[in-house]
Amino acid sequence: TMIMDQAVAGHPVEITRRGRESAVIISKTSYEAYKKAEYDVAYYKISVSKENSEA
């Protein structure tokens, strides 16, 4: 639960396997913000590409 508490508090928790980075646990809020930013970038790239093809 300590890992979950840290993630929910806004602190990403890195999980390693055999000393190698394997995963990061983040809060649902952080994940949703990441996905929104990812979507916004994709939308921007599509709109810029469309504008350039119309020019």
PDB file of N, CA and C in Angstrom:
ATOM      1  N   THR A   1       0.817  -1.208   0.000  1.00  0.00           N
ATOM      2  CA  THR A   1       0.000   0.000   0.000  1.00  0.00           C
ATOM      3  C   THR A   1       0.854   1.263   0.000  1.00  0.00           C
ATOM      4  N   MET A   2       2.082   1.155   0.474  1.00  0.00           N
ATOM      5  CA  MET A   2       2.952   2.325   0.478  1.00  0.00           C
ATOM      6  C   MET A   2       3.216   2.796  -0.951  1.00  0.00           C
ATOM      7  N   ILE A   3       3.375   1.859  -1.866  1.00  0.00           N
ATOM      8  CA  ILE A   3       3.596   2.211  -3.272  1.00  0.00           C
ATOM      9  C   ILE A   3       2.387   2.959  -3.807  1.00  0.00           C
ATOM     10  N   MET A   4       1.200   2.445  -3.521  1.00  0.00           N
ATOM     11  CA  MET A   4      -0.027   3.103  -3.981  1.00  0.00           C
ATOM     12  C   MET A   4      -0.165   4.489  -3.359  1.00  0.00           C
ATOM     13  N   ASP A   5       0.142   4.606  -2.081  1.00  0.00           N
ATOM     14  CA  ASP A   5       0.055   5.904  -1.406  1.00  0.00           C
ATOM     15  C   ASP A   5       0.965   6.925  -2.072  1.00  0.00           C
ATOM     16  N   GLN A   6       2.180   6.511  -2.407  1.00  0.00           N
ATOM     17  CA  GLN A   6       3.119   7.422  -3.062  1.00  0.00           C
ATOM     18  C   GLN A   6       2.604   7.834  -4.436  1.00  0.00           C
ATOM     19  N   ALA A   7       2.097   6.881  -5.199  1.00  0.00           N
ATOM     20  CA  ALA A   7       1.587   7.180  -6.540  1.00  0.00           C
ATOM     21  C   ALA A   7       0.393   8.120  -6.467  1.00  0.00           C
ATOM     22  N   VAL A   8      -0.540   7.850  -5.572  1.00  0.00           N
ATOM     23  CA  VAL A   8      -1.726   8.695  -5.427  1.00  0.00           C
ATOM     24  C   VAL A   8      -1.336  10.099  -4.975  1.00  0.00           C
ATOM     25  N   ALA A   9      -0.255  10.217  -4.218  1.00  0.00           N
ATOM     26  CA  ALA A   9       0.212  11.523  -3.758  1.00  0.00           C
ATOM     27  C   ALA A   9       0.934  12.296  -4.860  1.00  0.00           C
ATOM     28  N   GLY A  10       1.044  11.691  -6.048  1.00  0.00           N
ATOM     29  CA  GLY A  10       1.659  12.389  -7.173  1.00  0.00           C
ATOM     30  C   GLY A  10       3.123  12.079  -7.393  1.00  0.00           C
ATOM     31  N   HIS A  11       3.614  11.040  -6.715  1.00  0.00           N
ATOM     32  CA  HIS A  11       5.016  10.655  -6.859  1.00  0.00           C
ATOM     33  C   HIS A  11       5.111   9.359  -7.659  1.00  0.00           C
ATOM     34  N   PRO A  12       5.618   9.407  -8.893  1.00  0.00           N
ATOM     35  CA  PRO A  12       5.759   8.172  -9.667  1.00  0.00           C
ATOM     36  C   PRO A  12       6.680   7.191  -8.938  1.00  0.00           C
ATOM     37  N   VAL A  13       6.330   5.929  -8.987  1.00  0.00           N
ATOM     38  CA  VAL A  13       7.122   4.889  -8.334  1.00  0.00           C
ATOM     39  C   VAL A  13       7.694   3.976  -9.414  1.00  0.00           C
ATOM     40  N   GLU A  14       9.022   3.896  -9.487  1.00  0.00           N
ATOM     41  CA  GLU A  14       9.674   3.028 -10.467  1.00  0.00           C
ATOM     42  C   GLU A  14       9.812   1.624  -9.891  1.00  0.00           C
ATOM     43  N   ILE A  15       9.435   0.662 -10.702  1.00  0.00           N
ATOM     44  CA  ILE A  15       9.542  -0.742 -10.313  1.00  0.00           C
ATOM     45  C   ILE A  15      10.653  -1.360 -11.157  1.00  0.00           C
ATOM     46  N   THR A  16      11.537  -2.091 -10.512  1.00  0.00           N
ATOM     47  CA  THR A  16      12.626  -2.726 -11.252  1.00  0.00           C
ATOM     48  C   THR A  16      12.520  -4.239 -11.128  1.00  0.00           C
ATOM     49  N   ARG A  17      13.096  -4.905 -12.104  1.00  0.00           N
ATOM     50  CA  ARG A  17      13.179  -6.366 -12.081  1.00  0.00           C
ATOM     51  C   ARG A  17      14.624  -6.719 -12.369  1.00  0.00           C
ATOM     52  N   ARG A  18      15.249  -7.368 -11.416  1.00  0.00           N
ATOM     53  CA  ARG A  18      16.660  -7.743 -11.542  1.00  0.00           C
ATOM     54  C   ARG A  18      17.545  -6.533 -11.832  1.00  0.00           C
ATOM     55  N   GLY A  19      17.221  -5.419 -11.188  1.00  0.00           N
ATOM     56  CA  GLY A  19      18.027  -4.215 -11.325  1.00  0.00           C
ATOM     57  C   GLY A  19      17.781  -3.402 -12.583  1.00  0.00           C
ATOM     58  N   ARG A  20      16.842  -3.831 -13.409  1.00  0.00           N
ATOM     59  CA  ARG A  20      16.551  -3.101 -14.644  1.00  0.00           C
ATOM     60  C   ARG A  20      15.174  -2.455 -14.528  1.00  0.00           C
ATOM     61  N   GLU A  21      15.055  -1.246 -15.078  1.00  0.00           N
ATOM     62  CA  GLU A  21      13.765  -0.565 -15.052  1.00  0.00           C
ATOM     63  C   GLU A  21      12.733  -1.412 -15.775  1.00  0.00           C
ATOM     64  N   SER A  22      11.565  -1.550 -15.160  1.00  0.00           N
ATOM     65  CA  SER A  22      10.547  -2.402 -15.735  1.00  0.00           C
ATOM     66  C   SER A  22       9.215  -1.680 -15.909  1.00  0.00           C
ATOM     67  N   ALA A  23       8.827  -0.877 -14.910  1.00  0.00           N
ATOM     68  CA  ALA A  23       7.531  -0.206 -14.966  1.00  0.00           C
ATOM     69  C   ALA A  23       7.536   1.014 -14.053  1.00  0.00           C
ATOM     70  N   VAL A  24       6.541   1.867 -14.266  1.00  0.00           N
ATOM     71  CA  VAL A  24       6.336   3.026 -13.402  1.00  0.00           C
ATOM     72  C   VAL A  24       4.874   3.034 -12.994  1.00  0.00           C
ATOM     73  N   ILE A  25       4.623   3.198 -11.720  1.00  0.00           N
ATOM     74  CA  ILE A  25       3.258   3.294 -11.221  1.00  0.00           C
ATOM     75  C   ILE A  25       2.973   4.767 -10.965  1.00  0.00           C
ATOM     76  N   ILE A  26       1.876   5.248 -11.568  1.00  0.00           N
ATOM     77  CA  ILE A  26       1.451   6.631 -11.374  1.00  0.00           C
ATOM     78  C   ILE A  26      -0.022   6.636 -10.982  1.00  0.00           C
ATOM     79  N   SER A  27      -0.480   7.756 -10.472  1.00  0.00           N
ATOM     80  CA  SER A  27      -1.884   7.862 -10.085  1.00  0.00           C
ATOM     81  C   SER A  27      -2.774   7.877 -11.321  1.00  0.00           C
ATOM     82  N   LYS A  28      -4.034   7.575 -11.130  1.00  0.00           N
ATOM     83  CA  LYS A  28      -5.000   7.612 -12.227  1.00  0.00           C
ATOM     84  C   LYS A  28      -5.096   9.024 -12.779  1.00  0.00           C
ATOM     85  N   THR A  29      -5.045  10.025 -11.914  1.00  0.00           N
ATOM     86  CA  THR A  29      -5.094  11.416 -12.359  1.00  0.00           C
ATOM     87  C   THR A  29      -3.909  11.736 -13.262  1.00  0.00           C
ATOM     88  N   SER A  30      -2.715  11.292 -12.871  1.00  0.00           N
ATOM     89  CA  SER A  30      -1.527  11.522 -13.696  1.00  0.00           C
ATOM     90  C   SER A  30      -1.637  10.786 -15.024  1.00  0.00           C
ATOM     91  N   TYR A  31      -2.156   9.575 -14.984  1.00  0.00           N
ATOM     92  CA  TYR A  31      -2.321   8.794 -16.211  1.00  0.00           C
ATOM     93  C   TYR A  31      -3.308   9.478 -17.158  1.00  0.00           C
ATOM     94  N   GLU A  32      -4.419   9.960 -16.618  1.00  0.00           N
ATOM     95  CA  GLU A  32      -5.407  10.642 -17.455  1.00  0.00           C
ATOM     96  C   GLU A  32      -4.825  11.913 -18.066  1.00  0.00           C
ATOM     97  N   ALA A  33      -4.024  12.653 -17.306  1.00  0.00           N
ATOM     98  CA  ALA A  33      -3.376  13.858 -17.835  1.00  0.00           C
ATOM     99  C   ALA A  33      -2.398  13.487 -18.947  1.00  0.00           C
ATOM    100  N   TYR A  34      -1.667  12.400 -18.759  1.00  0.00           N
ATOM    101  CA  TYR A  34      -0.735  11.918 -19.784  1.00  0.00           C
ATOM    102  C   TYR A  34      -1.480  11.546 -21.059  1.00  0.00           C
ATOM    103  N   LYS A  35      -2.571  10.798 -20.920  1.00  0.00           N
ATOM    104  CA  LYS A  35      -3.342  10.382 -22.093  1.00  0.00           C
ATOM    105  C   LYS A  35      -3.943  11.585 -22.812  1.00  0.00           C
ATOM    106  N   LYS A  36      -4.401  12.597 -22.055  1.00  0.00           N
ATOM    107  CA  LYS A  36      -4.953  13.798 -22.673  1.00  0.00           C
ATOM    108  C   LYS A  36      -3.866  14.535 -23.444  1.00  0.00           C
ATOM    109  N   ALA A  37      -2.690  14.655 -22.850  1.00  0.00           N
ATOM    110  CA  ALA A  37      -1.576  15.324 -23.534  1.00  0.00           C
ATOM    111  C   ALA A  37      -1.190  14.554 -24.786  1.00  0.00           C
ATOM    112  N   GLU A  38      -1.171  13.238 -24.706  1.00  0.00           N
ATOM    113  CA  GLU A  38      -0.855  12.398 -25.857  1.00  0.00           C
ATOM    114  C   GLU A  38      -1.887  12.622 -26.966  1.00  0.00           C
ATOM    115  N   TYR A  39      -3.161  12.676 -26.603  1.00  0.00           N
ATOM    116  CA  TYR A  39      -4.238  12.922 -27.569  1.00  0.00           C
ATOM    117  C   TYR A  39      -4.094  14.315 -28.173  1.00  0.00           C
ATOM    118  N   ASP A  40      -3.814  15.314 -27.330  1.00  0.00           N
ATOM    119  CA  ASP A  40      -3.672  16.687 -27.819  1.00  0.00           C
ATOM    120  C   ASP A  40      -2.539  16.798 -28.836  1.00  0.00           C
ATOM    121  N   VAL A  41      -1.426  16.130 -28.588  1.00  0.00           N
ATOM    122  CA  VAL A  41      -0.293  16.152 -29.522  1.00  0.00           C
ATOM    123  C   VAL A  41      -0.694  15.487 -30.835  1.00  0.00           C
ATOM    124  N   ALA A  42      -1.362  14.353 -30.749  1.00  0.00           N
ATOM    125  CA  ALA A  42      -1.795  13.650 -31.963  1.00  0.00           C
ATOM    126  C   ALA A  42      -2.761  14.520 -32.757  1.00  0.00           C
ATOM    127  N   TYR A  43      -3.702  15.165 -32.080  1.00  0.00           N
ATOM    128  CA  TYR A  43      -4.672  16.034 -32.750  1.00  0.00           C
ATOM    129  C   TYR A  43      -3.954  17.205 -33.413  1.00  0.00           C
ATOM    130  N   TYR A  44      -2.990  17.788 -32.714  1.00  0.00           N
ATOM    131  CA  TYR A  44      -2.228  18.913 -33.263  1.00  0.00           C
ATOM    132  C   TYR A  44      -1.486  18.485 -34.531  1.00  0.00           C
ATOM    133  N   LYS A  45      -0.839  17.328 -34.478  1.00  0.00           N
ATOM    134  CA  LYS A  45      -0.092  16.846 -35.647  1.00  0.00           C
ATOM    135  C   LYS A  45      -1.021  16.626 -36.836  1.00  0.00           C
ATOM    136  N   ILE A  46      -2.200  16.075 -36.589  1.00  0.00           N
ATOM    137  CA  ILE A  46      -3.162  15.852 -37.671  1.00  0.00           C
ATOM    138  C   ILE A  46      -3.630  17.178 -38.245  1.00  0.00           C
ATOM    139  N   SER A  47      -3.943  18.147 -37.379  1.00  0.00           N
ATOM    140  CA  SER A  47      -4.449  19.434 -37.867  1.00  0.00           C
ATOM    141  C   SER A  47      -3.368  20.205 -38.622  1.00  0.00           C
ATOM    142  N   VAL A  48      -2.122  20.142 -38.172  1.00  0.00           N
ATOM    143  CA  VAL A  48      -1.029  20.819 -38.873  1.00  0.00           C
ATOM    144  C   VAL A  48      -0.791  20.147 -40.221  1.00  0.00           C
ATOM    145  N   SER A  49      -0.821  18.832 -40.237  1.00  0.00           N
ATOM    146  CA  SER A  49      -0.635  18.095 -41.483  1.00  0.00           C
ATOM    147  C   SER A  49      -1.739  18.438 -42.481  1.00  0.00           C
ATOM    148  N   LYS A  50      -2.955  18.536 -41.996  1.00  0.00           N
ATOM    149  CA  LYS A  50      -4.093  18.872 -42.856  1.00  0.00           C
ATOM    150  C   LYS A  50      -3.943  20.287 -43.407  1.00  0.00           C
ATOM    151  N   GLU A  51      -3.532  21.234 -42.543  1.00  0.00           N
ATOM    152  CA  GLU A  51      -3.335  22.622 -42.986  1.00  0.00           C
ATOM    153  C   GLU A  51      -2.248  22.694 -44.053  1.00  0.00           C
ATOM    154  N   ASN A  52      -1.161  21.952 -43.855  1.00  0.00           N
ATOM    155  CA  ASN A  52      -0.055  21.967 -44.819  1.00  0.00           C
ATOM    156  C   ASN A  52      -0.464  21.353 -46.153  1.00  0.00           C
ATOM    157  N   SER A  53      -1.310  20.340 -46.123  1.00  0.00           N
ATOM    158  CA  SER A  53      -1.728  19.707 -47.373  1.00  0.00           C
ATOM    159  C   SER A  53      -2.732  20.568 -48.134  1.00  0.00           C
ATOM    160  N   GLU A  54      -3.429  21.455 -47.428  1.00  0.00           N
ATOM    161  CA  GLU A  54      -4.390  22.347 -48.077  1.00  0.00           C
ATOM    162  C   GLU A  54      -3.722  23.590 -48.637  1.00  0.00           C
ATOM    163  N   ALA A  55      -2.506  23.869 -48.206  1.00  0.00           N
ATOM    164  CA  ALA A  55      -1.804  25.091 -48.632  1.00  0.00           C
ATOM    165  C   ALA A  55      -1.185  24.950 -49.998  1.00  0.00           C
TER     166      ALA A  55
END
